[in-house]
Amino acid sequence: MPRWPRSPLSSATAGSGLTRTTSTDRRISMALPDTFDSSTDSFAADWATWHEARERGTGSPLGVASLVATHWLAGAPSELEGVPGRWHAAPEGIVGSGHELTGLTLLQGGRPIDVIEEDTVTLTAGQDIEWGEKRLRYFERDGALALRLLDPEAPSRVALGGIDAFEPSESFVISGRFRPAAPDASVEFTTIDGHRSEDAPAGFVDLDLADGPVSLTVTLERGRLHAVFSDGTSGEESYRFRFLDLALPVADGTVIADFNRAYLPPCAFSDFYVCPLPPAGNRFATPIRAGEKNLIRAA
């Protein structure tokens, strides 16, 4: 597929601290395909491919809908409901102990890297433990550590029948202008559980919506611009807020915002995620009837 040209933004942000491990459920790997070029004749077919991939990824046995617990850890070992062993937070990572862990497989990025030979294991970023069909997963937010449990038999996954979405429309593929943020700029994010943190925005994307101009605050996440936003459909026609990824701007600052690719945050699928809410500047009154709406529950 064609790609929008990369701009100097990627090199300008290298080493700036903007690219890092996300500290909230801002980005969860959901088998998203690459950004498509929505100017082609295959616009509707490309969108359908994206939508089908989203449904497969989120509903897969260990997809986002399979999360059944996020256990925040203290410094003293303790038992956790539904989890083998005893767990605590330590400077080196998440430490588990107990004979139940012996023989389980340690994964890094989903790939086996070791077998737990003794009754103690330390999990670090990107690591899981394979526990039968379930997974025990490392999670960190602003220095606080948690152990997550993913279960293919999670009620949230069993009840998932798909993702409802607006019909794709090229009128919601909008060309905007990127303005980089000042080096010392910050934006406050409040997560769905009330936690507040400061983040460094990559900048702002100026867009002309049907009811007037808006400025979308974006962060840099895994080589793309990322926005959390709500609009005139939120909480009624669609979920209370949504995510949107945008390709990096071209040399003249042009950015394409394809709202047909707006997608539901992980917390729409399970109550155990801690997604960021839209910052103040990303709450629009204009209805954006494009992208994913809400979950479809299985009959």
C-alpha atoms as a PDB file:
ATOM      1  CA  MET A   1       0.000   0.000   0.000  1.00  0.00           C
ATOM      2  CA  PRO A   2       1.175   3.585  -0.571  1.00  0.00           C
ATOM      3  CA  ARG A   3       2.408   5.480   2.489  1.00  0.00           C
ATOM      4  CA  TRP A   4       2.341   9.154   3.336  1.00  0.00           C
ATOM      5  CA  PRO A   5       5.938  10.427   3.176  1.00  0.00           C
ATOM      6  CA  ARG A   6       7.772  10.701   6.465  1.00  0.00           C
ATOM      7  CA  SER A   7       8.692  14.156   7.663  1.00  0.00           C
ATOM      8  CA  PRO A   8      11.576  15.411   9.798  1.00  0.00           C
ATOM      9  CA  LEU A   9       9.310  14.905  12.825  1.00  0.00           C
ATOM     10  CA  SER A  10      10.577  11.350  13.316  1.00  0.00           C
ATOM     11  CA  SER A  11      14.222  12.417  13.507  1.00  0.00           C
ATOM     12  CA  ALA A  12      13.441  15.562  15.476  1.00  0.00           C
ATOM     13  CA  THR A  13      11.807  13.514  18.227  1.00  0.00           C
ATOM     14  CA  ALA A  14      14.509  10.861  18.419  1.00  0.00           C
ATOM     15  CA  GLY A  15      15.944  10.848  21.916  1.00  0.00           C
ATOM     16  CA  SER A  16      13.407  13.410  23.124  1.00  0.00           C
ATOM     17  CA  GLY A  17      11.734  11.002  25.551  1.00  0.00           C
ATOM     18  CA  LEU A  18       8.448  10.991  23.639  1.00  0.00           C
ATOM     19  CA  THR A  19       8.887   7.416  22.463  1.00  0.00           C
ATOM     20  CA  ARG A  20       8.652   5.208  25.540  1.00  0.00           C
ATOM     21  CA  THR A  21       6.700   2.432  27.164  1.00  0.00           C
ATOM     22  CA  THR A  22       3.143   3.669  27.488  1.00  0.00           C
ATOM     23  CA  SER A  23       2.130   4.082  31.127  1.00  0.00           C
ATOM     24  CA  THR A  24      -1.631   3.760  30.594  1.00  0.00           C
ATOM     25  CA  ASP A  25      -3.821   1.668  28.348  1.00  0.00           C
ATOM     26  CA  ARG A  26      -3.324   4.198  25.582  1.00  0.00           C
ATOM     27  CA  ARG A  27      -2.055   1.612  23.141  1.00  0.00           C
ATOM     28  CA  ILE A  28      -2.739  -2.104  23.229  1.00  0.00           C
ATOM     29  CA  SER A  29      -1.533  -4.376  20.430  1.00  0.00           C
ATOM     30  CA  MET A  30      -4.674  -5.439  18.598  1.00  0.00           C
ATOM     31  CA  ALA A  31      -3.332  -6.767  15.290  1.00  0.00           C
ATOM     32  CA  LEU A  32      -4.113  -3.499  13.548  1.00  0.00           C
ATOM     33  CA  PRO A  33      -3.139  -3.449   9.881  1.00  0.00           C
ATOM     34  CA  ASP A  34      -0.986  -0.633   8.541  1.00  0.00           C
ATOM     35  CA  THR A  35      -2.598   2.706   7.697  1.00  0.00           C
ATOM     36  CA  PHE A  36      -4.255   2.507   4.304  1.00  0.00           C
ATOM     37  CA  ASP A  37      -4.260   5.174   1.627  1.00  0.00           C
ATOM     38  CA  SER A  38      -7.905   6.249   1.710  1.00  0.00           C
ATOM     39  CA  SER A  39      -7.655   8.120  -1.604  1.00  0.00           C
ATOM     40  CA  THR A  40      -7.746   4.912  -3.649  1.00  0.00           C
ATOM     41  CA  ASP A  41     -10.759   3.453  -5.444  1.00  0.00           C
ATOM     42  CA  SER A  42     -10.681   0.582  -2.966  1.00  0.00           C
ATOM     43  CA  PHE A  43     -11.585   2.887  -0.086  1.00  0.00           C
ATOM     44  CA  ALA A  44     -14.561   0.823   1.133  1.00  0.00           C
ATOM     45  CA  ALA A  45     -12.758  -2.499   0.627  1.00  0.00           C
ATOM     46  CA  ASP A  46      -9.684  -1.256   2.505  1.00  0.00           C
ATOM     47  CA  TRP A  47     -11.872  -0.096   5.356  1.00  0.00           C
ATOM     48  CA  ALA A  48     -13.666  -3.459   5.473  1.00  0.00           C
ATOM     49  CA  THR A  49     -10.297  -5.234   5.687  1.00  0.00           C
ATOM     50  CA  TRP A  50      -9.288  -2.978   8.581  1.00  0.00           C
ATOM     51  CA  HIS A  51     -12.611  -3.532  10.355  1.00  0.00           C
ATOM     52  CA  GLU A  52     -12.413  -7.310   9.985  1.00  0.00           C
ATOM     53  CA  ALA A  53      -8.865  -7.295  11.368  1.00  0.00           C
ATOM     54  CA  ARG A  54     -10.034  -5.264  14.337  1.00  0.00           C
ATOM     55  CA  GLU A  55     -12.804  -7.737  15.102  1.00  0.00           C
ATOM     56  CA  ARG A  56     -10.450 -10.707  14.796  1.00  0.00           C
ATOM     57  CA  GLY A  57      -7.779  -9.095  16.941  1.00  0.00           C
ATOM     58  CA  THR A  58      -9.970  -7.868  19.753  1.00  0.00           C
ATOM     59  CA  GLY A  59     -11.961 -11.105  19.926  1.00  0.00           C
ATOM     60  CA  SER A  60      -9.004 -13.486  19.700  1.00  0.00           C
ATOM     61  CA  PRO A  61      -8.443 -15.852  22.664  1.00  0.00           C
ATOM     62  CA  LEU A  62      -5.913 -13.492  24.259  1.00  0.00           C
ATOM     63  CA  GLY A  63      -7.183 -10.268  22.695  1.00  0.00           C
ATOM     64  CA  VAL A  64      -8.154  -7.172  24.641  1.00  0.00           C
ATOM     65  CA  ALA A  65     -11.533  -8.615  25.657  1.00  0.00           C
ATOM     66  CA  SER A  66      -9.805 -11.434  27.592  1.00  0.00           C
ATOM     67  CA  LEU A  67      -8.494  -9.275  30.457  1.00  0.00           C
ATOM     68  CA  VAL A  68     -10.117 -10.354  33.744  1.00  0.00           C
ATOM     69  CA  ALA A  69      -7.925  -8.633  36.357  1.00  0.00           C
ATOM     70  CA  THR A  70      -5.344  -5.914  36.949  1.00  0.00           C
ATOM     71  CA  HIS A  71      -3.810  -6.533  40.381  1.00  0.00           C
ATOM     72  CA  TRP A  72      -1.825  -3.538  41.676  1.00  0.00           C
ATOM     73  CA  LEU A  73       1.096  -4.733  43.750  1.00  0.00           C
ATOM     74  CA  ALA A  74       2.667  -3.623  47.005  1.00  0.00           C
ATOM     75  CA  GLY A  75       6.160  -4.265  48.306  1.00  0.00           C
ATOM     76  CA  ALA A  76       5.096  -7.197  50.484  1.00  0.00           C
ATOM     77  CA  PRO A  77       4.271 -10.561  48.852  1.00  0.00           C
ATOM     78  CA  SER A  78       0.586 -11.413  48.783  1.00  0.00           C
ATOM     79  CA  GLU A  79      -1.795 -13.872  47.180  1.00  0.00           C
ATOM     80  CA  LEU A  80      -3.952 -12.571  44.335  1.00  0.00           C
ATOM     81  CA  GLU A  81      -7.416 -13.819  43.505  1.00  0.00           C
ATOM     82  CA  GLY A  82      -7.350 -16.277  40.631  1.00  0.00           C
ATOM     83  CA  VAL A  83      -3.552 -16.196  40.265  1.00  0.00           C
ATOM     84  CA  PRO A  84      -1.026 -18.878  41.280  1.00  0.00           C
ATOM     85  CA  GLY A  85       1.765 -17.979  43.713  1.00  0.00           C
ATOM     86  CA  ARG A  86       2.485 -14.864  45.763  1.00  0.00           C
ATOM     87  CA  TRP A  87       3.433 -11.561  44.151  1.00  0.00           C
ATOM     88  CA  HIS A  88       5.014  -8.232  44.989  1.00  0.00           C
ATOM     89  CA  ALA A  89       6.587  -5.195  43.335  1.00  0.00           C
ATOM     90  CA  ALA A  90      10.356  -4.776  43.489  1.00  0.00           C
ATOM     91  CA  PRO A  91      12.881  -2.393  41.902  1.00  0.00           C
ATOM     92  CA  GLU A  92      13.863  -5.104  39.412  1.00  0.00           C
ATOM     93  CA  GLY A  93      10.277  -5.856  38.368  1.00  0.00           C
ATOM     94  CA  ILE A  94       7.303  -7.994  39.394  1.00  0.00           C
ATOM     95  CA  VAL A  95       8.386 -10.901  41.575  1.00  0.00           C
ATOM     96  CA  GLY A  96       6.353 -14.089  41.926  1.00  0.00           C
ATOM     97  CA  SER A  97       7.067 -17.057  44.157  1.00  0.00           C
ATOM     98  CA  GLY A  98       5.480 -20.435  44.787  1.00  0.00           C
ATOM     99  CA  HIS A  99       5.819 -24.019  43.622  1.00  0.00           C
ATOM    100  CA  GLU A 100       2.795 -23.516  41.327  1.00  0.00           C
ATOM    101  CA  LEU A 101       5.012 -21.410  39.046  1.00  0.00           C
ATOM    102  CA  THR A 102       7.667 -24.079  38.515  1.00  0.00           C
ATOM    103  CA  GLY A 103       7.644 -25.398  34.956  1.00  0.00           C
ATOM    104  CA  LEU A 104       5.615 -22.535  33.476  1.00  0.00           C
ATOM    105  CA  THR A 105       6.931 -20.825  30.336  1.00  0.00           C
ATOM    106  CA  LEU A 106       8.211 -17.246  30.369  1.00  0.00           C
ATOM    107  CA  LEU A 107       7.420 -15.206  27.250  1.00  0.00           C
ATOM    108  CA  GLN A 108       8.976 -12.007  25.889  1.00  0.00           C
ATOM    109  CA  GLY A 109       6.857 -10.226  23.314  1.00  0.00           C
ATOM    110  CA  GLY A 110       4.762 -13.382  23.019  1.00  0.00           C
ATOM    111  CA  ARG A 111       7.741 -15.663  22.293  1.00  0.00           C
ATOM    112  CA  PRO A 112       9.013 -18.334  24.719  1.00  0.00           C
ATOM    113  CA  ILE A 113      12.377 -17.389  26.229  1.00  0.00           C
ATOM    114  CA  ASP A 114      12.694 -19.576  29.327  1.00  0.00           C
ATOM    115  CA  VAL A 115      11.055 -22.112  31.603  1.00  0.00           C
ATOM    116  CA  ILE A 116      10.694 -21.308  35.287  1.00  0.00           C
ATOM    117  CA  GLU A 117      12.913 -23.929  36.928  1.00  0.00           C
ATOM    118  CA  GLU A 118      12.663 -22.745  40.520  1.00  0.00           C
ATOM    119  CA  ASP A 119       9.751 -21.338  42.472  1.00  0.00           C
ATOM    120  CA  THR A 120      10.664 -17.669  41.897  1.00  0.00           C
ATOM    121  CA  VAL A 121      10.367 -15.523  38.784  1.00  0.00           C
ATOM    122  CA  THR A 122      10.806 -11.826  37.987  1.00  0.00           C
ATOM    123  CA  LEU A 123       8.710 -10.274  35.234  1.00  0.00           C
ATOM    124  CA  THR A 124       9.904  -7.156  33.414  1.00  0.00           C
ATOM    125  CA  ALA A 125       8.425  -5.001  30.630  1.00  0.00           C
ATOM    126  CA  GLY A 126       6.955  -6.985  27.743  1.00  0.00           C
ATOM    127  CA  GLN A 127       6.910 -10.301  29.573  1.00  0.00           C
ATOM    128  CA  ASP A 128       4.127 -12.827  30.199  1.00  0.00           C
ATOM    129  CA  ILE A 129       3.875 -16.191  31.891  1.00  0.00           C
ATOM    130  CA  GLU A 130       2.030 -18.902  30.010  1.00  0.00           C
ATOM    131  CA  TRP A 131      -0.346 -20.526  32.495  1.00  0.00           C
ATOM    132  CA  GLY A 132      -2.250 -23.110  30.499  1.00  0.00           C
ATOM    133  CA  GLU A 133      -4.467 -21.137  28.123  1.00  0.00           C
ATOM    134  CA  LYS A 134      -4.191 -18.080  30.378  1.00  0.00           C
ATOM    135  CA  ARG A 135      -1.500 -15.404  30.612  1.00  0.00           C
ATOM    136  CA  LEU A 136       0.010 -13.538  33.545  1.00  0.00           C
ATOM    137  CA  ARG A 137       1.260 -10.187  32.242  1.00  0.00           C
ATOM    138  CA  TYR A 138       3.533  -7.396  33.451  1.00  0.00           C
ATOM    139  CA  PHE A 139       1.987  -3.912  33.578  1.00  0.00           C
ATOM    140  CA  GLU A 140       3.401  -0.575  34.712  1.00  0.00           C
ATOM    141  CA  ARG A 141       1.900   2.884  35.113  1.00  0.00           C
ATOM    142  CA  ASP A 142       3.985   5.831  36.273  1.00  0.00           C
ATOM    143  CA  GLY A 143       6.208   3.539  38.315  1.00  0.00           C
ATOM    144  CA  ALA A 144       3.381   1.495  39.888  1.00  0.00           C
ATOM    145  CA  LEU A 145       3.428  -2.195  38.968  1.00  0.00           C
ATOM    146  CA  ALA A 146       0.523  -4.552  38.396  1.00  0.00           C
ATOM    147  CA  LEU A 147       0.050  -8.179  37.391  1.00  0.00           C
ATOM    148  CA  ARG A 148      -2.631  -8.766  34.789  1.00  0.00           C
ATOM    149  CA  LEU A 149      -4.570 -11.941  34.104  1.00  0.00           C
ATOM    150  CA  LEU A 150      -5.848 -12.751  30.620  1.00  0.00           C
ATOM    151  CA  ASP A 151      -8.309 -15.610  30.193  1.00  0.00           C
ATOM    152  CA  PRO A 152      -9.861 -16.822  26.914  1.00  0.00           C
ATOM    153  CA  GLU A 153     -12.985 -17.717  28.930  1.00  0.00           C
ATOM    154  CA  ALA A 154     -13.385 -14.155  30.239  1.00  0.00           C
ATOM    155  CA  PRO A 155     -17.071 -13.160  30.340  1.00  0.00           C
ATOM    156  CA  SER A 156     -16.179  -9.992  28.440  1.00  0.00           C
ATOM    157  CA  ARG A 157     -14.755 -12.073  25.583  1.00  0.00           C
ATOM    158  CA  VAL A 158     -17.478 -14.729  25.596  1.00  0.00           C
ATOM    159  CA  ALA A 159     -20.104 -11.977  25.335  1.00  0.00           C
ATOM    160  CA  LEU A 160     -18.338 -10.173  22.484  1.00  0.00           C
ATOM    161  CA  GLY A 161     -20.214 -10.480  19.201  1.00  0.00           C
ATOM    162  CA  GLY A 162     -18.278  -7.923  17.180  1.00  0.00           C
ATOM    163  CA  ILE A 163     -17.778  -4.191  16.804  1.00  0.00           C
ATOM    164  CA  ASP A 164     -20.500  -1.904  15.500  1.00  0.00           C
ATOM    165  CA  ALA A 165     -19.266   0.881  13.233  1.00  0.00           C
ATOM    166  CA  PHE A 166     -20.485   3.751  11.106  1.00  0.00           C
ATOM    167  CA  GLU A 167     -20.528   3.238   7.359  1.00  0.00           C
ATOM    168  CA  PRO A 168     -17.204   4.410   5.904  1.00  0.00           C
ATOM    169  CA  SER A 169     -17.328   7.836   4.310  1.00  0.00           C
ATOM    170  CA  GLU A 170     -14.575   9.689   2.485  1.00  0.00           C
ATOM    171  CA  SER A 171     -16.016  12.936   3.854  1.00  0.00           C
ATOM    172  CA  PHE A 172     -14.398  12.030   7.182  1.00  0.00           C
ATOM    173  CA  VAL A 173     -10.927  11.762   5.661  1.00  0.00           C
ATOM    174  CA  ILE A 174      -9.781  15.256   6.580  1.00  0.00           C
ATOM    175  CA  SER A 175      -6.552  17.015   5.700  1.00  0.00           C
ATOM    176  CA  GLY A 176      -5.113  18.999   8.598  1.00  0.00           C
ATOM    177  CA  ARG A 177      -2.014  20.927   9.578  1.00  0.00           C
ATOM    178  CA  PHE A 178       0.443  19.781  12.238  1.00  0.00           C
ATOM    179  CA  ARG A 179       1.922  22.264  14.725  1.00  0.00           C
ATOM    180  CA  PRO A 180       4.730  20.903  16.901  1.00  0.00           C
ATOM    181  CA  ALA A 181       4.469  21.485  20.631  1.00  0.00           C
ATOM    182  CA  ALA A 182       6.992  23.580  22.506  1.00  0.00           C
ATOM    183  CA  PRO A 183       9.836  21.511  24.033  1.00  0.00           C
ATOM    184  CA  ASP A 184       8.546  22.154  27.564  1.00  0.00           C
ATOM    185  CA  ALA A 185       4.846  21.652  26.767  1.00  0.00           C
ATOM    186  CA  SER A 186       2.776  19.190  28.774  1.00  0.00           C
ATOM    187  CA  VAL A 187      -0.807  17.987  28.806  1.00  0.00           C
ATOM    188  CA  GLU A 188      -2.698  16.443  31.711  1.00  0.00           C
ATOM    189  CA  PHE A 189      -4.373  13.087  31.167  1.00  0.00           C
ATOM    190  CA  THR A 190      -6.861  11.585  33.598  1.00  0.00           C
ATOM    191  CA  THR A 191      -7.378   7.859  33.258  1.00  0.00           C
ATOM    192  CA  ILE A 192     -10.714   6.144  33.562  1.00  0.00           C
ATOM    193  CA  ASP A 193      -9.919   5.145  37.166  1.00  0.00           C
ATOM    194  CA  GLY A 194      -9.135   8.751  38.165  1.00  0.00           C
ATOM    195  CA  HIS A 195      -5.333   8.638  38.018  1.00  0.00           C
ATOM    196  CA  ARG A 196      -3.758  11.865  36.732  1.00  0.00           C
ATOM    197  CA  SER A 197      -0.460  12.252  34.944  1.00  0.00           C
ATOM    198  CA  GLU A 198       1.384  14.714  32.730  1.00  0.00           C
ATOM    199  CA  ASP A 199       2.466  13.769  29.238  1.00  0.00           C
ATOM    200  CA  ALA A 200       4.522  15.549  26.589  1.00  0.00           C
ATOM    201  CA  PRO A 201       2.398  16.201  23.484  1.00  0.00           C
ATOM    202  CA  ALA A 202       3.983  15.837  20.079  1.00  0.00           C
ATOM    203  CA  GLY A 203       1.885  18.773  18.946  1.00  0.00           C
ATOM    204  CA  PHE A 204      -1.503  19.733  17.582  1.00  0.00           C
ATOM    205  CA  VAL A 205      -3.393  18.938  14.392  1.00  0.00           C
ATOM    206  CA  ASP A 206      -5.607  21.765  13.155  1.00  0.00           C
ATOM    207  CA  LEU A 207      -8.713  20.447  11.390  1.00  0.00           C
ATOM    208  CA  ASP A 208     -11.822  21.970   9.865  1.00  0.00           C
ATOM    209  CA  LEU A 209     -14.879  20.009  10.992  1.00  0.00           C
ATOM    210  CA  ALA A 210     -18.448  20.631   9.862  1.00  0.00           C
ATOM    211  CA  ASP A 211     -19.143  22.994  12.773  1.00  0.00           C
ATOM    212  CA  GLY A 212     -15.843  24.848  12.630  1.00  0.00           C
ATOM    213  CA  PRO A 213     -12.121  24.486  13.239  1.00  0.00           C
ATOM    214  CA  VAL A 214     -10.696  22.334  16.043  1.00  0.00           C
ATOM    215  CA  SER A 215      -7.211  21.578  17.296  1.00  0.00           C
ATOM    216  CA  LEU A 216      -6.490  17.939  18.119  1.00  0.00           C
ATOM    217  CA  THR A 217      -3.811  17.333  20.763  1.00  0.00           C
ATOM    218  CA  VAL A 218      -1.636  14.387  19.708  1.00  0.00           C
ATOM    219  CA  THR A 219       1.113  12.366  21.341  1.00  0.00           C
ATOM    220  CA  LEU A 220       3.782  10.283  19.639  1.00  0.00           C
ATOM    221  CA  GLU A 221       3.127   6.560  20.076  1.00  0.00           C
ATOM    222  CA  ARG A 222       5.157   3.882  18.304  1.00  0.00           C
ATOM    223  CA  GLY A 223       6.054   6.016  15.339  1.00  0.00           C
ATOM    224  CA  ARG A 224       2.606   7.520  14.772  1.00  0.00           C
ATOM    225  CA  LEU A 225       0.584  10.411  16.081  1.00  0.00           C
ATOM    226  CA  HIS A 226      -2.100   9.325  18.523  1.00  0.00           C
ATOM    227  CA  ALA A 227      -5.193  11.120  19.813  1.00  0.00           C
ATOM    228  CA  VAL A 228      -7.855  10.413  22.434  1.00  0.00           C
ATOM    229  CA  PHE A 229     -11.041  12.302  21.564  1.00  0.00           C
ATOM    230  CA  SER A 230     -14.770  12.559  22.128  1.00  0.00           C
ATOM    231  CA  ASP A 231     -17.341  14.149  19.851  1.00  0.00           C
ATOM    232  CA  GLY A 232     -21.044  14.841  19.457  1.00  0.00           C
ATOM    233  CA  THR A 233     -21.840  11.114  19.177  1.00  0.00           C
ATOM    234  CA  SER A 234     -19.944  10.077  22.315  1.00  0.00           C
ATOM    235  CA  GLY A 235     -21.978   8.421  25.041  1.00  0.00           C
ATOM    236  CA  GLU A 236     -25.032   8.104  22.806  1.00  0.00           C
ATOM    237  CA  GLU A 237     -24.374   6.882  19.281  1.00  0.00           C
ATOM    238  CA  SER A 238     -20.852   5.750  20.136  1.00  0.00           C
ATOM    239  CA  TYR A 239     -18.725   4.826  23.147  1.00  0.00           C
ATOM    240  CA  ARG A 240     -17.852   7.668  25.530  1.00  0.00           C
ATOM    241  CA  PHE A 241     -14.525   8.337  23.751  1.00  0.00           C
ATOM    242  CA  ARG A 242     -12.363   6.847  21.023  1.00  0.00           C
ATOM    243  CA  PHE A 243      -8.753   6.594  19.837  1.00  0.00           C
ATOM    244  CA  LEU A 244      -7.327   7.715  16.505  1.00  0.00           C
ATOM    245  CA  ASP A 245      -3.897   7.083  14.969  1.00  0.00           C
ATOM    246  CA  LEU A 246      -2.481   9.362  12.289  1.00  0.00           C
ATOM    247  CA  ALA A 247       0.526   8.975  10.022  1.00  0.00           C
ATOM    248  CA  LEU A 248       3.364  11.426  10.623  1.00  0.00           C
ATOM    249  CA  PRO A 249       3.052  14.740   8.760  1.00  0.00           C
ATOM    250  CA  VAL A 250       4.654  15.262   5.381  1.00  0.00           C
ATOM    251  CA  ALA A 251       7.331  17.922   4.886  1.00  0.00           C
ATOM    252  CA  ASP A 252       4.878  20.851   4.697  1.00  0.00           C
ATOM    253  CA  GLY A 253       3.088  19.797   7.900  1.00  0.00           C
ATOM    254  CA  THR A 254       0.054  18.215   6.245  1.00  0.00           C
ATOM    255  CA  VAL A 255      -1.575  15.419   8.248  1.00  0.00           C
ATOM    256  CA  ILE A 256      -4.423  13.175   7.130  1.00  0.00           C
ATOM    257  CA  ALA A 257      -6.982  12.392   9.846  1.00  0.00           C
ATOM    258  CA  ASP A 258      -9.091   9.439   8.715  1.00  0.00           C
ATOM    259  CA  PHE A 259     -11.851   9.260  11.306  1.00  0.00           C
ATOM    260  CA  ASN A 260     -13.147   6.116   9.625  1.00  0.00           C
ATOM    261  CA  ARG A 261     -10.278   4.439  11.498  1.00  0.00           C
ATOM    262  CA  ALA A 262     -11.317   5.820  14.899  1.00  0.00           C
ATOM    263  CA  TYR A 263     -11.351   2.820  17.229  1.00  0.00           C
ATOM    264  CA  LEU A 264     -12.647   1.835  20.627  1.00  0.00           C
ATOM    265  CA  PRO A 265     -10.246   1.993  23.580  1.00  0.00           C
ATOM    266  CA  PRO A 266      -9.424  -1.228  25.449  1.00  0.00           C
ATOM    267  CA  CYS A 267     -11.666  -0.205  28.363  1.00  0.00           C
ATOM    268  CA  ALA A 268     -14.683  -0.580  26.061  1.00  0.00           C
ATOM    269  CA  PHE A 269     -13.915  -4.318  26.026  1.00  0.00           C
ATOM    270  CA  SER A 270     -13.001  -4.934  29.669  1.00  0.00           C
ATOM    271  CA  ASP A 271     -13.442  -2.999  32.914  1.00  0.00           C
ATOM    272  CA  PHE A 272      -9.863  -3.790  33.989  1.00  0.00           C
ATOM    273  CA  TYR A 273      -8.063  -1.380  31.660  1.00  0.00           C
ATOM    274  CA  VAL A 274      -6.998   2.120  32.713  1.00  0.00           C
ATOM    275  CA  CYS A 275      -7.424   4.105  29.498  1.00  0.00           C
ATOM    276  CA  PRO A 276      -6.761   7.849  29.350  1.00  0.00           C
ATOM    277  CA  LEU A 277      -9.780  10.107  28.909  1.00  0.00           C
ATOM    278  CA  PRO A 278      -9.721  12.828  26.247  1.00  0.00           C
ATOM    279  CA  PRO A 279      -7.772  15.908  27.356  1.00  0.00           C
ATOM    280  CA  ALA A 280      -9.795  19.112  27.565  1.00  0.00           C
ATOM    281  CA  GLY A 281      -8.932  20.270  24.045  1.00  0.00           C
ATOM    282  CA  ASN A 282     -10.011  17.005  22.419  1.00  0.00           C
ATOM    283  CA  ARG A 283     -13.692  17.101  23.374  1.00  0.00           C
ATOM    284  CA  PHE A 284     -15.626  18.246  20.333  1.00  0.00           C
ATOM    285  CA  ALA A 285     -19.322  19.094  20.020  1.00  0.00           C
ATOM    286  CA  THR A 286     -19.350  18.225  16.321  1.00  0.00           C
ATOM    287  CA  PRO A 287     -20.713  14.714  15.657  1.00  0.00           C
ATOM    288  CA  ILE A 288     -18.114  12.527  13.929  1.00  0.00           C
ATOM    289  CA  ARG A 289     -20.177   9.695  12.477  1.00  0.00           C
ATOM    290  CA  ALA A 290     -17.235   7.618  11.350  1.00  0.00           C
ATOM    291  CA  GLY A 291     -15.209   4.769  12.770  1.00  0.00           C
ATOM    292  CA  GLU A 292     -16.165   2.301  15.465  1.00  0.00           C
ATOM    293  CA  LYS A 293     -19.293   2.937  17.527  1.00  0.00           C
ATOM    294  CA  ASN A 294     -19.537   0.344  20.272  1.00  0.00           C
ATOM    295  CA  LEU A 295     -19.474  -3.353  21.045  1.00  0.00           C
ATOM    296  CA  ILE A 296     -21.959  -5.874  19.721  1.00  0.00           C
ATOM    297  CA  ARG A 297     -22.950  -8.336  22.403  1.00  0.00           C
ATOM    298  CA  ALA A 298     -23.400 -11.973  21.466  1.00  0.00           C
ATOM    299  CA  ALA A 299     -26.945 -13.287  21.691  1.00  0.00           C
END
